[in-house]
Amino acid sequence: MGVPIWIGERASQAQLWAVICPVASRINDGLARRWRIDGVRVYAETTAEADSLARKLRWPPGQILCPSW
């Protein structure tokens, strides 16, 4: 599912902050909704990957962070 980045001082309080290069085919509607509600940042390696993730997550393309933009 990509590389999750967790924040929090204790493991029991950790919150998902970002996911680097998640696999679009493994994202379902519930996960996409949860990430949106929680404000999870999503990073992609390429613009093509960012476009694919934006479609799968049903997010505006600009919300997928891509270093090549």
N, C-alpha and C. Protein backbone atom coordinates (compact mmCIF):
# COMPACT_ATOMS: atom_id res chain seq x y z
N MET A 1 0.81 -1.19 0.00
CA MET A 1 0.00 0.00 0.00
C MET A 1 0.85 1.26 0.00
N GLY A 2 2.12 1.19 -0.20
CA GLY A 2 2.97 2.36 -0.13
C GLY A 2 3.64 2.44 1.23
N VAL A 3 4.29 3.54 1.49
CA VAL A 3 5.00 3.74 2.75
C VAL A 3 4.19 4.70 3.62
N PRO A 4 3.67 4.21 4.74
CA PRO A 4 2.91 5.09 5.63
C PRO A 4 3.85 5.90 6.51
N ILE A 5 3.47 7.14 6.76
CA ILE A 5 4.21 8.00 7.68
C ILE A 5 3.26 8.30 8.85
N TRP A 6 3.66 7.86 10.02
CA TRP A 6 2.85 8.02 11.23
C TRP A 6 3.43 9.11 12.09
N ILE A 7 2.57 9.85 12.80
CA ILE A 7 3.04 10.85 13.75
C ILE A 7 2.38 10.59 15.10
N GLY A 8 3.07 10.94 16.15
CA GLY A 8 2.56 10.76 17.50
C GLY A 8 3.68 10.36 18.42
N GLU A 9 3.55 10.76 19.65
CA GLU A 9 4.61 10.47 20.62
C GLU A 9 4.61 9.02 21.07
N ARG A 10 3.46 8.41 21.04
CA ARG A 10 3.34 7.00 21.46
C ARG A 10 2.67 6.22 20.35
N ALA A 11 3.01 4.95 20.26
CA ALA A 11 2.41 4.11 19.23
C ALA A 11 0.89 4.05 19.35
N SER A 12 0.40 4.08 20.56
CA SER A 12 -1.05 4.02 20.77
C SER A 12 -1.77 5.30 20.33
N GLN A 13 -1.03 6.38 20.17
CA GLN A 13 -1.61 7.66 19.77
C GLN A 13 -1.22 8.04 18.35
N ALA A 14 -0.54 7.16 17.65
CA ALA A 14 -0.05 7.48 16.31
C ALA A 14 -1.20 7.70 15.34
N GLN A 15 -1.01 8.70 14.48
CA GLN A 15 -1.98 9.01 13.44
C GLN A 15 -1.29 8.95 12.09
N LEU A 16 -2.01 8.44 11.10
CA LEU A 16 -1.46 8.40 9.76
C LEU A 16 -1.39 9.82 9.22
N TRP A 17 -0.21 10.27 8.86
CA TRP A 17 0.00 11.63 8.37
C TRP A 17 0.11 11.66 6.85
N ALA A 18 0.78 10.65 6.26
CA ALA A 18 0.99 10.63 4.82
C ALA A 18 1.21 9.20 4.34
N VAL A 19 1.00 9.01 3.04
CA VAL A 19 1.35 7.73 2.41
C VAL A 19 2.13 8.07 1.15
N ILE A 20 3.30 7.48 1.03
CA ILE A 20 4.16 7.71 -0.12
C ILE A 20 3.98 6.56 -1.11
N CYS A 21 3.60 6.92 -2.31
CA CYS A 21 3.42 5.98 -3.43
C CYS A 21 2.50 4.80 -3.09
N PRO A 22 1.26 5.09 -2.69
CA PRO A 22 0.33 3.98 -2.46
C PRO A 22 0.00 3.29 -3.78
N VAL A 23 -0.44 2.05 -3.70
CA VAL A 23 -0.81 1.27 -4.88
C VAL A 23 -2.29 1.55 -5.18
N ALA A 24 -2.56 2.20 -6.30
CA ALA A 24 -3.92 2.63 -6.64
C ALA A 24 -4.90 1.47 -6.67
N SER A 25 -4.49 0.33 -7.18
CA SER A 25 -5.41 -0.82 -7.30
C SER A 25 -5.83 -1.39 -5.95
N ARG A 26 -5.13 -1.04 -4.90
CA ARG A 26 -5.46 -1.56 -3.57
C ARG A 26 -6.29 -0.59 -2.74
N ILE A 27 -6.59 0.57 -3.29
CA ILE A 27 -7.38 1.58 -2.58
C ILE A 27 -8.85 1.36 -2.86
N ASN A 28 -9.64 1.26 -1.80
CA ASN A 28 -11.10 1.12 -1.98
C ASN A 28 -11.77 2.43 -1.53
N ASP A 29 -13.08 2.52 -1.76
CA ASP A 29 -13.80 3.76 -1.45
C ASP A 29 -13.72 4.12 0.03
N GLY A 30 -13.80 3.13 0.90
CA GLY A 30 -13.75 3.38 2.34
C GLY A 30 -12.40 3.96 2.76
N LEU A 31 -11.34 3.40 2.22
CA LEU A 31 -10.00 3.90 2.54
C LEU A 31 -9.83 5.32 2.00
N ALA A 32 -10.27 5.57 0.79
CA ALA A 32 -10.18 6.91 0.20
C ALA A 32 -10.93 7.93 1.06
N ARG A 33 -12.12 7.56 1.51
CA ARG A 33 -12.92 8.45 2.34
C ARG A 33 -12.23 8.72 3.68
N ARG A 34 -11.68 7.67 4.28
CA ARG A 34 -11.00 7.82 5.58
C ARG A 34 -9.79 8.73 5.45
N TRP A 35 -8.99 8.55 4.39
CA TRP A 35 -7.82 9.40 4.18
C TRP A 35 -8.23 10.84 4.01
N ARG A 36 -9.33 11.07 3.29
CA ARG A 36 -9.83 12.44 3.06
C ARG A 36 -10.25 13.07 4.39
N ILE A 37 -11.02 12.35 5.17
CA ILE A 37 -11.50 12.85 6.46
C ILE A 37 -10.33 13.16 7.40
N ASP A 38 -9.35 12.26 7.41
CA ASP A 38 -8.20 12.41 8.31
C ASP A 38 -7.14 13.38 7.80
N GLY A 39 -7.29 13.88 6.59
CA GLY A 39 -6.32 14.82 6.04
C GLY A 39 -4.99 14.19 5.70
N VAL A 40 -5.00 12.92 5.33
CA VAL A 40 -3.77 12.22 4.98
C VAL A 40 -3.21 12.79 3.68
N ARG A 41 -1.94 13.07 3.67
CA ARG A 41 -1.27 13.54 2.46
C ARG A 41 -0.85 12.33 1.63
N VAL A 42 -1.00 12.43 0.33
CA VAL A 42 -0.62 11.33 -0.56
C VAL A 42 0.44 11.85 -1.52
N TYR A 43 1.55 11.13 -1.60
CA TYR A 43 2.66 11.50 -2.46
C TYR A 43 2.81 10.46 -3.57
N ALA A 44 3.10 10.95 -4.78
CA ALA A 44 3.32 10.08 -5.93
C ALA A 44 4.69 10.41 -6.53
N GLU A 45 5.27 9.43 -7.20
CA GLU A 45 6.60 9.63 -7.79
C GLU A 45 6.53 10.37 -9.12
N THR A 46 5.49 10.08 -9.90
CA THR A 46 5.37 10.68 -11.23
C THR A 46 3.99 11.33 -11.39
N THR A 47 3.86 12.18 -12.40
CA THR A 47 2.57 12.80 -12.66
C THR A 47 1.55 11.76 -13.11
N ALA A 48 1.99 10.75 -13.86
CA ALA A 48 1.07 9.69 -14.28
C ALA A 48 0.54 8.94 -13.07
N GLU A 49 1.39 8.64 -12.12
CA GLU A 49 0.97 7.97 -10.89
C GLU A 49 0.03 8.87 -10.09
N ALA A 50 0.33 10.16 -10.03
CA ALA A 50 -0.52 11.11 -9.32
C ALA A 50 -1.92 11.16 -9.95
N ASP A 51 -1.98 11.17 -11.28
CA ASP A 51 -3.26 11.18 -11.98
C ASP A 51 -4.06 9.91 -11.67
N SER A 52 -3.39 8.76 -11.68
CA SER A 52 -4.05 7.48 -11.39
C SER A 52 -4.59 7.47 -9.96
N LEU A 53 -3.79 7.95 -9.03
CA LEU A 53 -4.22 7.99 -7.63
C LEU A 53 -5.38 8.96 -7.43
N ALA A 54 -5.32 10.11 -8.09
CA ALA A 54 -6.40 11.09 -7.97
C ALA A 54 -7.72 10.51 -8.47
N ARG A 55 -7.67 9.77 -9.57
CA ARG A 55 -8.89 9.13 -10.09
C ARG A 55 -9.41 8.09 -9.10
N LYS A 56 -8.53 7.27 -8.60
CA LYS A 56 -8.93 6.20 -7.68
C LYS A 56 -9.47 6.76 -6.37
N LEU A 57 -8.82 7.79 -5.85
CA LEU A 57 -9.23 8.40 -4.59
C LEU A 57 -10.42 9.34 -4.76
N ARG A 58 -10.67 9.74 -6.01
CA ARG A 58 -11.70 10.74 -6.34
C ARG A 58 -11.37 12.07 -5.68
N TRP A 59 -10.08 12.41 -5.74
CA TRP A 59 -9.58 13.68 -5.23
C TRP A 59 -9.19 14.55 -6.42
N PRO A 60 -9.19 15.86 -6.24
CA PRO A 60 -8.65 16.74 -7.30
C PRO A 60 -7.17 16.40 -7.51
N PRO A 61 -6.70 16.40 -8.76
CA PRO A 61 -5.31 16.03 -9.03
C PRO A 61 -4.29 16.82 -8.22
N GLY A 62 -4.56 18.08 -7.94
CA GLY A 62 -3.62 18.90 -7.20
C GLY A 62 -3.42 18.48 -5.75
N GLN A 63 -4.28 17.60 -5.24
CA GLN A 63 -4.13 17.15 -3.85
C GLN A 63 -3.15 15.99 -3.71
N ILE A 64 -2.76 15.40 -4.81
CA ILE A 64 -1.73 14.35 -4.78
C ILE A 64 -0.41 15.06 -4.99
N LEU A 65 0.48 14.96 -4.03
CA LEU A 65 1.74 15.69 -4.06
C LEU A 65 2.77 14.92 -4.88
N CYS A 66 3.38 15.63 -5.82
CA CYS A 66 4.31 14.99 -6.74
C CYS A 66 5.52 15.90 -6.92
N PRO A 67 6.73 15.41 -6.67
CA PRO A 67 7.91 16.26 -6.76
C PRO A 67 8.20 16.77 -8.17
N SER A 68 7.65 16.13 -9.18
CA SER A 68 7.94 16.56 -10.56
C SER A 68 7.02 17.69 -11.04
N TRP A 69 6.11 18.18 -10.15
CA TRP A 69 5.21 19.28 -10.55
C TRP A 69 5.85 20.59 -10.29
